[in-house]
Amino acid sequence: MAIISLINRKGGVGKSTISINLAAGLATHESRKHGSKPVLLIDMDDQLSATITAMGGGFDDKFQPVITAERDYASALGQGFGASDSLVVDSLIPRNRTEKVKIFRTNKARMEGLESTLKQREDAPFQLTYFLEPIKHEYSYIIIDNPPSAGMLPMNSLVASTHVLIPIEPDGLSLIGLADILRMIENVKKTTNPDLNVLGIIPSRFRMVRRQARDVIGDMERMYGHLLLPYIKDLAEISAATTAGYDVFSFCSEKSQAYRCLSNLVDAVLGKLGQV
């Protein structure tokens, strides 16, 4: 069992898109095993983009009951309760499989106040760890999508996780931001979670035609080559799948660039985890 957080303090780098498709790809992989366990996707971002996409996207109303629940994830976590199966529902992804990624019933309004609520609790960084303890072994993988910040919500995710993935858009400032993220992770390892490991860095929204992007990728290879995972191209098909509320594996043909990009990433993550 692995708990994998996707972290970047910058928004718009593809965290939610990668979280959704990684969860769908891992669920598909697990469904081929006898007696496999499901995959859980946790949305720590109050925009709830991952939850909305996993429930059919913004053009469908299936997501509304899941983000306006009365008995919800944000309240349970904020009040110090443990997770329970009553908070968990099937998402719609992977669309082409009967074994669906699980998500929590949540509440957008309460998610917006969750950071300040957690800060008021004793052992504030450990609240997600305590919350997941009753159910975490029911899942093969837990994927956590995080807001673009270095606040209490990502801190809770890092303390609760076994591994970290860092999606990063290769632009002029990304290497500075990457160094800051790695320092934050190292600090968590030293102070609260010594078992936390960086699983990899994912260059995302990559365009080969941009010389700056190629140069930054070159710098990343020199500095962090052992951590680099397959990059995710900035492809219209990936955006279209997300907008439609689909995972790429159900939306695109197996021969498409989008399918191959995300499939290569899933395979690489499984390889890093020793599962292939």
Protein backbone atom coordinates (compact mmCIF):
# COMPACT_ATOMS: atom_id res chain seq x y z
CA MET A 1 0.00 0.00 0.00
CA ALA A 2 1.32 3.43 -0.97
CA ILE A 3 -0.02 6.89 -0.13
CA ILE A 4 1.14 9.29 -2.83
CA SER A 5 0.83 13.08 -2.57
CA LEU A 6 1.09 15.35 -5.59
CA ILE A 7 2.68 18.61 -4.46
CA ASN A 8 3.58 21.93 -6.04
CA ARG A 9 3.22 25.40 -4.57
CA LYS A 10 2.41 26.75 -8.04
CA GLY A 11 -1.01 26.35 -9.62
CA GLY A 12 -1.72 25.30 -13.19
CA VAL A 13 0.97 22.61 -13.40
CA GLY A 14 -1.42 19.69 -13.90
CA LYS A 15 -1.64 18.27 -10.37
CA SER A 16 -5.35 17.46 -10.60
CA THR A 17 -5.15 16.06 -14.13
CA ILE A 18 -2.23 13.84 -13.21
CA SER A 19 -3.91 12.77 -9.95
CA ILE A 20 -7.08 11.71 -11.77
CA ASN A 21 -5.28 9.78 -14.49
CA LEU A 22 -2.75 8.21 -12.14
CA ALA A 23 -5.60 6.99 -9.92
CA ALA A 24 -7.48 5.63 -12.95
CA GLY A 25 -4.38 3.93 -14.33
CA LEU A 26 -3.51 2.34 -11.00
CA ALA A 27 -7.13 1.18 -10.56
CA THR A 28 -7.00 -0.47 -13.99
CA HIS A 29 -3.71 -2.14 -13.10
CA GLU A 30 -5.10 -3.42 -9.81
CA SER A 31 -8.32 -4.69 -11.39
CA ARG A 32 -6.31 -7.29 -13.30
CA LYS A 33 -5.20 -8.91 -10.03
CA HIS A 34 -7.16 -11.52 -8.11
CA GLY A 35 -8.47 -10.13 -4.83
CA SER A 36 -7.22 -6.64 -5.55
CA LYS A 37 -8.02 -3.60 -3.43
CA PRO A 38 -9.47 -0.34 -4.80
CA VAL A 39 -7.72 3.01 -5.26
CA LEU A 40 -8.77 6.05 -3.20
CA LEU A 41 -8.42 9.60 -4.56
CA ILE A 42 -8.39 12.38 -1.94
CA ASP A 43 -9.00 15.98 -2.97
CA MET A 44 -7.37 18.43 -0.54
CA ASP A 45 -7.87 21.47 -2.80
CA ASP A 46 -10.96 23.54 -2.02
CA GLN A 47 -11.52 24.05 -5.75
CA LEU A 48 -12.33 20.30 -5.84
CA SER A 49 -11.25 20.01 -9.48
CA ALA A 50 -10.22 16.36 -9.10
CA THR A 51 -13.53 15.45 -7.44
CA ILE A 52 -15.63 17.27 -10.03
CA THR A 53 -13.75 15.67 -12.93
CA ALA A 54 -13.93 12.22 -11.37
CA MET A 55 -17.70 12.65 -11.03
CA GLY A 56 -18.32 13.58 -14.65
CA GLY A 57 -16.94 17.08 -15.11
CA GLY A 58 -18.48 20.53 -14.96
CA PHE A 59 -20.99 19.92 -17.76
CA ASP A 60 -22.74 17.19 -15.78
CA ASP A 61 -24.62 17.58 -12.50
CA LYS A 62 -23.55 14.23 -11.04
CA PHE A 63 -20.85 15.94 -8.99
CA GLN A 64 -23.24 18.24 -7.10
CA PRO A 65 -24.36 15.78 -4.37
CA VAL A 66 -20.74 14.75 -3.79
CA ILE A 67 -19.49 18.31 -3.17
CA THR A 68 -22.46 19.45 -1.06
CA ALA A 69 -22.77 16.46 1.31
CA GLU A 70 -23.94 17.04 4.88
CA ARG A 71 -21.89 14.13 6.27
CA ASP A 72 -18.64 15.02 4.54
CA TYR A 73 -14.89 14.56 4.47
CA ALA A 74 -14.01 18.16 5.38
CA SER A 75 -16.16 18.13 8.52
CA ALA A 76 -14.92 14.73 9.66
CA LEU A 77 -11.27 15.64 9.15
CA GLY A 78 -11.65 19.08 10.71
CA GLN A 79 -13.40 17.69 13.80
CA GLY A 80 -10.79 14.99 14.40
CA PHE A 81 -12.92 11.97 13.46
CA GLY A 82 -11.53 8.89 11.74
CA ALA A 83 -12.52 8.05 8.18
CA SER A 84 -15.39 5.62 7.63
CA ASP A 85 -16.79 3.75 4.66
CA SER A 86 -19.95 5.87 4.86
CA LEU A 87 -17.95 8.84 3.53
CA VAL A 88 -16.67 6.91 0.50
CA VAL A 89 -18.41 6.69 -2.88
CA ASP A 90 -17.54 5.33 -6.31
CA SER A 91 -16.38 7.92 -8.81
CA LEU A 92 -17.05 7.49 -12.53
CA ILE A 93 -13.43 6.76 -13.43
CA PRO A 94 -12.02 4.71 -15.04
CA ARG A 95 -15.01 5.07 -17.38
CA ASN A 96 -14.24 1.84 -19.21
CA ARG A 97 -13.89 -0.33 -16.09
CA THR A 98 -16.36 -1.65 -13.52
CA GLU A 99 -13.83 -1.18 -10.68
CA LYS A 100 -14.01 2.54 -9.97
CA VAL A 101 -11.68 4.88 -8.13
CA LYS A 102 -13.15 5.75 -4.72
CA ILE A 103 -13.55 9.33 -3.51
CA PHE A 104 -14.88 11.01 -0.38
CA ARG A 105 -18.21 12.80 -0.12
CA THR A 106 -17.16 16.36 0.56
CA ASN A 107 -18.49 19.87 0.95
CA LYS A 108 -16.99 22.77 -0.97
CA ALA A 109 -18.01 25.45 1.53
CA ARG A 110 -16.45 23.52 4.42
CA MET A 111 -13.34 22.73 2.41
CA GLU A 112 -12.74 26.47 2.07
CA GLY A 113 -12.40 26.74 5.86
CA LEU A 114 -10.53 23.48 6.43
CA GLU A 115 -7.04 24.98 6.60
CA SER A 116 -7.92 27.36 9.42
CA THR A 117 -9.88 24.61 11.21
CA LEU A 118 -6.90 22.25 11.16
CA LYS A 119 -4.55 24.94 12.46
CA GLN A 120 -6.63 25.17 15.63
CA ARG A 121 -6.27 21.49 16.45
CA GLU A 122 -3.57 19.95 18.61
CA ASP A 123 -1.07 18.00 16.47
CA ALA A 124 -2.36 19.94 13.47
CA PRO A 125 0.01 18.39 10.86
CA PHE A 126 -1.03 14.85 11.87
CA GLN A 127 -4.80 15.15 11.42
CA LEU A 128 -4.93 13.46 8.01
CA THR A 129 -2.66 10.68 9.30
CA TYR A 130 -5.07 10.02 12.18
CA PHE A 131 -8.08 10.31 9.86
CA LEU A 132 -6.82 7.68 7.39
CA GLU A 133 -5.66 5.16 9.97
CA PRO A 134 -8.99 3.23 10.22
CA ILE A 135 -9.30 2.66 6.45
CA LYS A 136 -5.93 3.01 4.74
CA HIS A 137 -5.25 -0.72 4.53
CA GLU A 138 -8.49 -1.21 2.59
CA TYR A 139 -6.81 0.39 -0.43
CA SER A 140 -3.96 -0.56 -2.72
CA TYR A 141 -3.09 3.09 -3.38
CA ILE A 142 -4.21 6.42 -1.98
CA ILE A 143 -3.60 9.41 -4.27
CA ILE A 144 -3.79 12.90 -2.72
CA ASP A 145 -4.30 15.98 -4.88
CA ASN A 146 -3.17 19.13 -3.06
CA PRO A 147 -3.75 22.88 -3.33
CA PRO A 148 -0.99 25.10 -4.73
CA SER A 149 0.47 26.20 -1.40
CA ALA A 150 2.89 25.27 1.35
CA GLY A 151 0.22 25.55 4.04
CA MET A 152 -1.36 23.18 6.54
CA LEU A 153 -3.28 21.11 3.95
CA PRO A 154 -0.20 20.03 1.93
CA MET A 155 1.66 19.60 5.22
CA ASN A 156 -1.00 17.15 6.41
CA SER A 157 -0.70 15.28 3.12
CA LEU A 158 3.08 15.00 3.37
CA VAL A 159 2.95 13.78 6.95
CA ALA A 160 0.36 11.13 5.99
CA SER A 161 2.10 9.98 2.79
CA THR A 162 4.68 7.38 1.96
CA HIS A 163 5.68 9.01 -1.34
CA VAL A 164 5.61 12.36 -3.15
CA LEU A 165 5.24 13.20 -6.82
CA ILE A 166 6.13 16.71 -7.98
CA PRO A 167 4.47 17.86 -11.22
CA ILE A 168 6.37 20.83 -12.60
CA GLU A 169 5.92 22.97 -15.69
CA PRO A 170 9.37 23.53 -17.23
CA ASP A 171 9.63 27.31 -17.27
CA GLY A 172 12.21 29.85 -16.16
CA LEU A 173 11.29 29.87 -12.46
CA SER A 174 10.46 26.19 -12.04
CA LEU A 175 13.91 25.11 -10.86
CA ILE A 176 13.79 27.65 -8.02
CA GLY A 177 10.34 26.44 -7.03
CA LEU A 178 11.47 22.82 -7.27
CA ALA A 179 14.37 23.43 -4.89
CA ASP A 180 11.94 25.01 -2.39
CA ILE A 181 9.59 22.01 -2.61
CA LEU A 182 12.42 19.55 -2.08
CA ARG A 183 13.57 21.51 1.00
CA MET A 184 10.02 21.38 2.38
CA ILE A 185 9.87 17.61 1.84
CA GLU A 186 13.27 17.14 3.46
CA ASN A 187 12.11 19.14 6.47
CA VAL A 188 9.05 16.89 6.84
CA LYS A 189 11.31 13.84 6.66
CA LYS A 190 13.53 15.19 9.42
CA THR A 191 10.79 16.38 11.75
CA THR A 192 7.58 14.35 11.33
CA ASN A 193 7.67 11.62 8.67
CA PRO A 194 11.05 9.88 8.23
CA ASP A 195 9.50 7.30 5.87
CA LEU A 196 8.53 9.91 3.26
CA ASN A 197 10.25 9.49 -0.12
CA VAL A 198 10.27 11.49 -3.33
CA LEU A 199 8.91 9.11 -5.94
CA GLY A 200 9.67 11.40 -8.84
CA ILE A 201 9.43 14.71 -10.67
CA ILE A 202 6.94 14.93 -13.55
CA PRO A 203 7.61 17.58 -16.20
CA SER A 204 4.09 18.55 -17.21
CA ARG A 205 2.39 20.70 -19.84
CA PHE A 206 5.57 20.22 -21.83
CA ARG A 207 5.90 21.70 -25.32
CA MET A 208 8.91 20.58 -27.31
CA VAL A 209 8.70 23.68 -29.53
CA ARG A 210 9.54 25.95 -26.60
CA ARG A 211 13.31 26.36 -26.41
CA GLN A 212 13.08 27.50 -22.79
CA ALA A 213 11.22 24.31 -21.87
CA ARG A 214 13.88 22.18 -23.56
CA ASP A 215 16.63 24.06 -21.74
CA VAL A 216 14.90 23.63 -18.36
CA ILE A 217 14.40 19.92 -19.00
CA GLY A 218 18.10 19.68 -19.75
CA ASP A 219 18.92 21.38 -16.45
CA MET A 220 16.54 19.03 -14.61
CA GLU A 221 18.21 16.01 -16.18
CA ARG A 222 21.61 17.21 -14.98
CA MET A 223 20.45 18.08 -11.47
CA TYR A 224 17.67 15.56 -10.77
CA GLY A 225 18.02 12.94 -13.50
CA HIS A 226 17.44 10.02 -11.11
CA LEU A 227 14.07 11.50 -10.13
CA LEU A 228 12.69 12.47 -13.53
CA LEU A 229 9.63 10.54 -14.69
CA PRO A 230 8.08 10.53 -18.20
CA TYR A 231 6.91 14.01 -19.11
CA ILE A 232 3.31 14.89 -19.86
CA LYS A 233 2.89 16.88 -23.04
CA ASP A 234 0.56 19.86 -23.30
CA LEU A 235 -1.99 18.09 -25.47
CA ALA A 236 -5.52 19.14 -26.43
CA GLU A 237 -6.76 15.57 -25.90
CA ILE A 238 -5.73 15.62 -22.23
CA SER A 239 -7.58 18.90 -21.66
CA ALA A 240 -10.62 17.61 -23.54
CA ALA A 241 -10.76 14.44 -21.42
CA THR A 242 -10.55 16.44 -18.19
CA THR A 243 -13.24 18.89 -19.33
CA ALA A 244 -15.53 16.00 -20.28
CA GLY A 245 -15.04 14.31 -16.91
CA TYR A 246 -13.11 11.35 -18.30
CA ASP A 247 -9.79 9.75 -17.61
CA VAL A 248 -7.50 9.76 -20.63
CA PHE A 249 -7.49 5.96 -20.81
CA SER A 250 -11.24 5.90 -21.42
CA PHE A 251 -11.40 9.03 -23.60
CA CYS A 252 -8.49 8.55 -25.99
CA SER A 253 -7.37 5.78 -28.32
CA GLU A 254 -4.48 3.62 -27.14
CA LYS A 255 -2.42 4.91 -30.08
CA SER A 256 -2.86 8.58 -29.15
CA GLN A 257 -0.05 10.66 -27.67
CA ALA A 258 -2.20 11.48 -24.66
CA TYR A 259 -2.84 7.82 -23.84
CA ARG A 260 0.84 6.93 -24.26
CA CYS A 261 2.01 9.87 -22.09
CA LEU A 262 -0.18 8.92 -19.14
CA SER A 263 0.33 5.18 -19.61
CA ASN A 264 4.10 5.66 -19.55
CA LEU A 265 3.76 7.66 -16.34
CA VAL A 266 1.65 4.98 -14.63
CA ASP A 267 4.13 2.30 -15.68
CA ALA A 268 7.02 4.40 -14.37
CA VAL A 269 5.33 4.95 -11.01
CA LEU A 270 4.61 1.24 -10.69
CA GLY A 271 8.22 0.52 -11.57
CA LYS A 272 9.48 2.92 -8.91
CA LEU A 273 7.21 1.24 -6.39
CA GLY A 274 8.46 -2.20 -7.43
CA GLN A 275 5.05 -3.31 -8.65
CA VAL A 276 5.93 -4.41 -12.19
